[in-house]
Amino acid sequence: MILIAGPCSAESEEQLRSTANELRKNEKVSFFRAGLWKPRSQPGSFEGVGDRGIDWMVRVQRDYSLP
């Protein structure tokens, strides 16, 4: 079984690191994920952090050994 876990939407690097820290304690978690782009039906609402979140995800993968 493959378990993919993480926040629906990445809001900050701190949020991703905190979540990854807790998830790595569970041996059943195979992959870390977080939405960086969030399409919305209502323009102007939060659409995600976009490209800047890529670096956050790379550091989470490296620092917490979560692909």
PDB file of N, CA and C in Angstrom:
ATOM      1  N   MET A   1       0.840  -1.171   0.000  1.00  0.00           N
ATOM      2  CA  MET A   1       0.000   0.000   0.000  1.00  0.00           C
ATOM      3  C   MET A   1       0.889   1.240   0.000  1.00  0.00           C
ATOM      4  N   ILE A   2       0.468   2.235  -0.767  1.00  0.00           N
ATOM      5  CA  ILE A   2       1.166   3.511  -0.813  1.00  0.00           C
ATOM      6  C   ILE A   2       0.281   4.549  -0.145  1.00  0.00           C
ATOM      7  N   LEU A   3       0.851   5.281   0.814  1.00  0.00           N
ATOM      8  CA  LEU A   3       0.117   6.328   1.508  1.00  0.00           C
ATOM      9  C   LEU A   3       0.783   7.666   1.208  1.00  0.00           C
ATOM     10  N   ILE A   4       0.017   8.569   0.606  1.00  0.00           N
ATOM     11  CA  ILE A   4       0.484   9.910   0.277  1.00  0.00           C
ATOM     12  C   ILE A   4      -0.231  10.870   1.213  1.00  0.00           C
ATOM     13  N   ALA A   5       0.537  11.690   1.949  1.00  0.00           N
ATOM     14  CA  ALA A   5      -0.079  12.553   2.962  1.00  0.00           C
ATOM     15  C   ALA A   5       0.574  13.926   2.965  1.00  0.00           C
ATOM     16  N   GLY A   6      -0.196  14.906   3.407  1.00  0.00           N
ATOM     17  CA  GLY A   6       0.296  16.271   3.524  1.00  0.00           C
ATOM     18  C   GLY A   6      -0.868  17.236   3.484  1.00  0.00           C
ATOM     19  N   PRO A   7      -0.577  18.532   3.635  1.00  0.00           N
ATOM     20  CA  PRO A   7      -1.656  19.519   3.638  1.00  0.00           C
ATOM     21  C   PRO A   7      -2.258  19.694   2.250  1.00  0.00           C
ATOM     22  N   CYS A   8      -3.536  19.978   2.208  1.00  0.00           N
ATOM     23  CA  CYS A   8      -4.213  20.214   0.935  1.00  0.00           C
ATOM     24  C   CYS A   8      -3.549  21.369   0.199  1.00  0.00           C
ATOM     25  N   SER A   9      -3.239  22.404   0.922  1.00  0.00           N
ATOM     26  CA  SER A   9      -2.643  23.585   0.316  1.00  0.00           C
ATOM     27  C   SER A   9      -1.446  24.049   1.146  1.00  0.00           C
ATOM     28  N   ALA A  10      -0.307  24.231   0.469  1.00  0.00           N
ATOM     29  CA  ALA A  10       0.875  24.760   1.153  1.00  0.00           C
ATOM     30  C   ALA A  10       0.661  26.249   1.388  1.00  0.00           C
ATOM     31  N   GLU A  11       0.765  26.665   2.634  1.00  0.00           N
ATOM     32  CA  GLU A  11       0.566  28.075   2.966  1.00  0.00           C
ATOM     33  C   GLU A  11       1.866  28.758   3.383  1.00  0.00           C
ATOM     34  N   SER A  12       2.797  27.975   3.945  1.00  0.00           N
ATOM     35  CA  SER A  12       4.088  28.525   4.353  1.00  0.00           C
ATOM     36  C   SER A  12       5.090  27.381   4.474  1.00  0.00           C
ATOM     37  N   GLU A  13       6.367  27.719   4.448  1.00  0.00           N
ATOM     38  CA  GLU A  13       7.385  26.688   4.631  1.00  0.00           C
ATOM     39  C   GLU A  13       7.295  26.109   6.043  1.00  0.00           C
ATOM     40  N   GLU A  14       7.011  26.946   7.013  1.00  0.00           N
ATOM     41  CA  GLU A  14       6.875  26.480   8.398  1.00  0.00           C
ATOM     42  C   GLU A  14       5.763  25.429   8.507  1.00  0.00           C
ATOM     43  N   GLN A  15       4.644  25.670   7.844  1.00  0.00           N
ATOM     44  CA  GLN A  15       3.532  24.713   7.862  1.00  0.00           C
ATOM     45  C   GLN A  15       3.971  23.376   7.261  1.00  0.00           C
ATOM     46  N   LEU A  16       4.689  23.421   6.142  1.00  0.00           N
ATOM     47  CA  LEU A  16       5.135  22.180   5.500  1.00  0.00           C
ATOM     48  C   LEU A  16       6.116  21.426   6.383  1.00  0.00           C
ATOM     49  N   ARG A  17       7.043  22.140   6.986  1.00  0.00           N
ATOM     50  CA  ARG A  17       8.045  21.492   7.836  1.00  0.00           C
ATOM     51  C   ARG A  17       7.400  20.866   9.070  1.00  0.00           C
ATOM     52  N   SER A  18       6.474  21.557   9.667  1.00  0.00           N
ATOM     53  CA  SER A  18       5.781  21.032  10.845  1.00  0.00           C
ATOM     54  C   SER A  18       4.992  19.775  10.493  1.00  0.00           C
ATOM     55  N   THR A  19       4.294  19.819   9.377  1.00  0.00           N
ATOM     56  CA  THR A  19       3.513  18.662   8.935  1.00  0.00           C
ATOM     57  C   THR A  19       4.426  17.486   8.600  1.00  0.00           C
ATOM     58  N   ALA A  20       5.501  17.751   7.872  1.00  0.00           N
ATOM     59  CA  ALA A  20       6.442  16.692   7.505  1.00  0.00           C
ATOM     60  C   ALA A  20       7.080  16.068   8.738  1.00  0.00           C
ATOM     61  N   ASN A  21       7.393  16.873   9.714  1.00  0.00           N
ATOM     62  CA  ASN A  21       7.998  16.363  10.947  1.00  0.00           C
ATOM     63  C   ASN A  21       7.086  15.353  11.625  1.00  0.00           C
ATOM     64  N   GLU A  22       5.810  15.637  11.662  1.00  0.00           N
ATOM     65  CA  GLU A  22       4.858  14.704  12.271  1.00  0.00           C
ATOM     66  C   GLU A  22       4.637  13.471  11.394  1.00  0.00           C
ATOM     67  N   LEU A  23       4.539  13.671  10.089  1.00  0.00           N
ATOM     68  CA  LEU A  23       4.264  12.544   9.190  1.00  0.00           C
ATOM     69  C   LEU A  23       5.414  11.541   9.129  1.00  0.00           C
ATOM     70  N   ARG A  24       6.634  12.019   9.244  1.00  0.00           N
ATOM     71  CA  ARG A  24       7.766  11.075   9.157  1.00  0.00           C
ATOM     72  C   ARG A  24       7.806  10.113  10.339  1.00  0.00           C
ATOM     73  N   LYS A  25       7.090  10.420  11.400  1.00  0.00           N
ATOM     74  CA  LYS A  25       7.008   9.524  12.554  1.00  0.00           C
ATOM     75  C   LYS A  25       6.138   8.305  12.260  1.00  0.00           C
ATOM     76  N   ASN A  26       5.335   8.392  11.213  1.00  0.00           N
ATOM     77  CA  ASN A  26       4.445   7.294  10.827  1.00  0.00           C
ATOM     78  C   ASN A  26       5.083   6.525   9.674  1.00  0.00           C
ATOM     79  N   GLU A  27       5.509   5.315   9.936  1.00  0.00           N
ATOM     80  CA  GLU A  27       6.204   4.513   8.934  1.00  0.00           C
ATOM     81  C   GLU A  27       5.330   4.151   7.735  1.00  0.00           C
ATOM     82  N   LYS A  28       4.022   4.336   7.851  1.00  0.00           N
ATOM     83  CA  LYS A  28       3.120   4.001   6.755  1.00  0.00           C
ATOM     84  C   LYS A  28       3.085   5.074   5.662  1.00  0.00           C
ATOM     85  N   VAL A  29       3.580   6.268   5.956  1.00  0.00           N
ATOM     86  CA  VAL A  29       3.567   7.348   4.969  1.00  0.00           C
ATOM     87  C   VAL A  29       4.683   7.122   3.958  1.00  0.00           C
ATOM     88  N   SER A  30       4.308   7.024   2.674  1.00  0.00           N
ATOM     89  CA  SER A  30       5.264   6.771   1.600  1.00  0.00           C
ATOM     90  C   SER A  30       5.740   8.054   0.926  1.00  0.00           C
ATOM     91  N   PHE A  31       4.845   9.013   0.762  1.00  0.00           N
ATOM     92  CA  PHE A  31       5.154  10.248   0.052  1.00  0.00           C
ATOM     93  C   PHE A  31       4.519  11.441   0.760  1.00  0.00           C
ATOM     94  N   PHE A  32       5.213  12.582   0.680  1.00  0.00           N
ATOM     95  CA  PHE A  32       4.693  13.847   1.188  1.00  0.00           C
ATOM     96  C   PHE A  32       4.161  14.642   0.008  1.00  0.00           C
ATOM     97  N   ARG A  33       3.011  15.291   0.185  1.00  0.00           N
ATOM     98  CA  ARG A  33       2.434  16.099  -0.875  1.00  0.00           C
ATOM     99  C   ARG A  33       1.822  17.360  -0.285  1.00  0.00           C
ATOM    100  N   ALA A  34       1.737  18.376  -1.117  1.00  0.00           N
ATOM    101  CA  ALA A  34       1.062  19.621  -0.733  1.00  0.00           C
ATOM    102  C   ALA A  34       0.698  20.357  -2.016  1.00  0.00           C
ATOM    103  N   GLY A  35      -0.479  20.935  -2.057  1.00  0.00           N
ATOM    104  CA  GLY A  35      -0.906  21.684  -3.239  1.00  0.00           C
ATOM    105  C   GLY A  35      -0.234  23.046  -3.294  1.00  0.00           C
ATOM    106  N   LEU A  36       0.455  23.327  -4.405  1.00  0.00           N
ATOM    107  CA  LEU A  36       1.104  24.615  -4.582  1.00  0.00           C
ATOM    108  C   LEU A  36       0.257  25.562  -5.432  1.00  0.00           C
ATOM    109  N   TRP A  37      -0.552  24.989  -6.301  1.00  0.00           N
ATOM    110  CA  TRP A  37      -1.460  25.758  -7.146  1.00  0.00           C
ATOM    111  C   TRP A  37      -2.865  25.248  -6.878  1.00  0.00           C
ATOM    112  N   LYS A  38      -3.779  26.139  -6.538  1.00  0.00           N
ATOM    113  CA  LYS A  38      -5.143  25.747  -6.183  1.00  0.00           C
ATOM    114  C   LYS A  38      -6.133  26.488  -7.080  1.00  0.00           C
ATOM    115  N   PRO A  39      -6.610  25.839  -8.132  1.00  0.00           N
ATOM    116  CA  PRO A  39      -7.604  26.512  -8.980  1.00  0.00           C
ATOM    117  C   PRO A  39      -8.870  26.812  -8.175  1.00  0.00           C
ATOM    118  N   ARG A  40      -9.392  27.980  -8.365  1.00  0.00           N
ATOM    119  CA  ARG A  40     -10.587  28.406  -7.622  1.00  0.00           C
ATOM    120  C   ARG A  40     -11.687  28.820  -8.588  1.00  0.00           C
ATOM    121  N   SER A  41     -12.907  28.561  -8.186  1.00  0.00           N
ATOM    122  CA  SER A  41     -14.041  28.981  -9.010  1.00  0.00           C
ATOM    123  C   SER A  41     -14.341  30.472  -8.805  1.00  0.00           C
ATOM    124  N   GLN A  42     -13.870  31.030  -7.701  1.00  0.00           N
ATOM    125  CA  GLN A  42     -14.086  32.448  -7.427  1.00  0.00           C
ATOM    126  C   GLN A  42     -12.745  33.177  -7.551  1.00  0.00           C
ATOM    127  N   PRO A  43     -12.563  33.966  -8.606  1.00  0.00           N
ATOM    128  CA  PRO A  43     -11.302  34.691  -8.785  1.00  0.00           C
ATOM    129  C   PRO A  43     -10.999  35.577  -7.576  1.00  0.00           C
ATOM    130  N   GLY A  44      -9.723  35.679  -7.266  1.00  0.00           N
ATOM    131  CA  GLY A  44      -9.308  36.530  -6.163  1.00  0.00           C
ATOM    132  C   GLY A  44      -9.161  35.811  -4.839  1.00  0.00           C
ATOM    133  N   SER A  45      -9.656  34.589  -4.739  1.00  0.00           N
ATOM    134  CA  SER A  45      -9.459  33.840  -3.504  1.00  0.00           C
ATOM    135  C   SER A  45      -8.073  33.190  -3.554  1.00  0.00           C
ATOM    136  N   PHE A  46      -7.626  32.647  -2.442  1.00  0.00           N
ATOM    137  CA  PHE A  46      -6.273  32.071  -2.356  1.00  0.00           C
ATOM    138  C   PHE A  46      -6.061  31.018  -3.437  1.00  0.00           C
ATOM    139  N   GLU A  47      -5.054  31.218  -4.265  1.00  0.00           N
ATOM    140  CA  GLU A  47      -4.778  30.290  -5.367  1.00  0.00           C
ATOM    141  C   GLU A  47      -3.500  29.499  -5.148  1.00  0.00           C
ATOM    142  N   GLY A  48      -2.950  29.556  -3.949  1.00  0.00           N
ATOM    143  CA  GLY A  48      -1.742  28.798  -3.641  1.00  0.00           C
ATOM    144  C   GLY A  48      -0.502  29.660  -3.699  1.00  0.00           C
ATOM    145  N   VAL A  49       0.611  29.101  -3.255  1.00  0.00           N
ATOM    146  CA  VAL A  49       1.863  29.850  -3.209  1.00  0.00           C
ATOM    147  C   VAL A  49       2.633  29.770  -4.519  1.00  0.00           C
ATOM    148  N   GLY A  50       2.270  28.830  -5.374  1.00  0.00           N
ATOM    149  CA  GLY A  50       2.900  28.737  -6.689  1.00  0.00           C
ATOM    150  C   GLY A  50       4.347  28.297  -6.652  1.00  0.00           C
ATOM    151  N   ASP A  51       5.136  28.887  -7.552  1.00  0.00           N
ATOM    152  CA  ASP A  51       6.521  28.472  -7.755  1.00  0.00           C
ATOM    153  C   ASP A  51       7.391  28.535  -6.505  1.00  0.00           C
ATOM    154  N   ARG A  52       7.167  29.513  -5.652  1.00  0.00           N
ATOM    155  CA  ARG A  52       8.037  29.623  -4.468  1.00  0.00           C
ATOM    156  C   ARG A  52       7.918  28.403  -3.562  1.00  0.00           C
ATOM    157  N   GLY A  53       6.812  27.669  -3.643  1.00  0.00           N
ATOM    158  CA  GLY A  53       6.623  26.469  -2.847  1.00  0.00           C
ATOM    159  C   GLY A  53       7.479  25.293  -3.290  1.00  0.00           C
ATOM    160  N   ILE A  54       7.977  25.340  -4.522  1.00  0.00           N
ATOM    161  CA  ILE A  54       8.819  24.241  -5.021  1.00  0.00           C
ATOM    162  C   ILE A  54      10.072  24.104  -4.154  1.00  0.00           C
ATOM    163  N   ASP A  55      10.712  25.206  -3.848  1.00  0.00           N
ATOM    164  CA  ASP A  55      11.912  25.156  -2.988  1.00  0.00           C
ATOM    165  C   ASP A  55      11.575  24.616  -1.605  1.00  0.00           C
ATOM    166  N   TRP A  56      10.417  24.972  -1.080  1.00  0.00           N
ATOM    167  CA  TRP A  56       9.990  24.456   0.226  1.00  0.00           C
ATOM    168  C   TRP A  56       9.896  22.938   0.175  1.00  0.00           C
ATOM    169  N   MET A  57       9.261  22.422  -0.894  1.00  0.00           N
ATOM    170  CA  MET A  57       9.073  20.977  -1.028  1.00  0.00           C
ATOM    171  C   MET A  57      10.419  20.253  -1.172  1.00  0.00           C
ATOM    172  N   VAL A  58      11.346  20.849  -1.911  1.00  0.00           N
ATOM    173  CA  VAL A  58      12.679  20.250  -2.072  1.00  0.00           C
ATOM    174  C   VAL A  58      13.378  20.147  -0.718  1.00  0.00           C
ATOM    175  N   ARG A  59      13.286  21.203   0.083  1.00  0.00           N
ATOM    176  CA  ARG A  59      13.930  21.173   1.408  1.00  0.00           C
ATOM    177  C   ARG A  59      13.254  20.167   2.337  1.00  0.00           C
ATOM    178  N   VAL A  60      11.938  20.045   2.257  1.00  0.00           N
ATOM    179  CA  VAL A  60      11.228  19.048   3.076  1.00  0.00           C
ATOM    180  C   VAL A  60      11.689  17.646   2.690  1.00  0.00           C
ATOM    181  N   GLN A  61      11.779  17.388   1.390  1.00  0.00           N
ATOM    182  CA  GLN A  61      12.230  16.068   0.933  1.00  0.00           C
ATOM    183  C   GLN A  61      13.623  15.770   1.477  1.00  0.00           C
ATOM    184  N   ARG A  62      14.511  16.732   1.377  1.00  0.00           N
ATOM    185  CA  ARG A  62      15.897  16.547   1.829  1.00  0.00           C
ATOM    186  C   ARG A  62      15.972  16.401   3.352  1.00  0.00           C
ATOM    187  N   ASP A  63      15.317  17.288   4.076  1.00  0.00           N
ATOM    188  CA  ASP A  63      15.474  17.345   5.532  1.00  0.00           C
ATOM    189  C   ASP A  63      14.704  16.265   6.285  1.00  0.00           C
ATOM    190  N   TYR A  64      13.615  15.775   5.694  1.00  0.00           N
ATOM    191  CA  TYR A  64      12.776  14.809   6.395  1.00  0.00           C
ATOM    192  C   TYR A  64      12.719  13.439   5.711  1.00  0.00           C
ATOM    193  N   SER A  65      13.513  13.285   4.657  1.00  0.00           N
ATOM    194  CA  SER A  65      13.572  12.003   3.938  1.00  0.00           C
ATOM    195  C   SER A  65      12.194  11.504   3.530  1.00  0.00           C
ATOM    196  N   LEU A  66      11.374  12.424   3.031  1.00  0.00           N
ATOM    197  CA  LEU A  66      10.042  12.081   2.534  1.00  0.00           C
ATOM    198  C   LEU A  66       9.968  12.417   1.048  1.00  0.00           C
ATOM    199  N   PRO A  67       9.957  11.414   0.196  1.00  0.00           N
ATOM    200  CA  PRO A  67       9.840  11.700  -1.240  1.00  0.00           C
ATOM    201  C   PRO A  67       8.552  12.438  -1.562  1.00  0.00           C
TER     202      PRO A  67
END
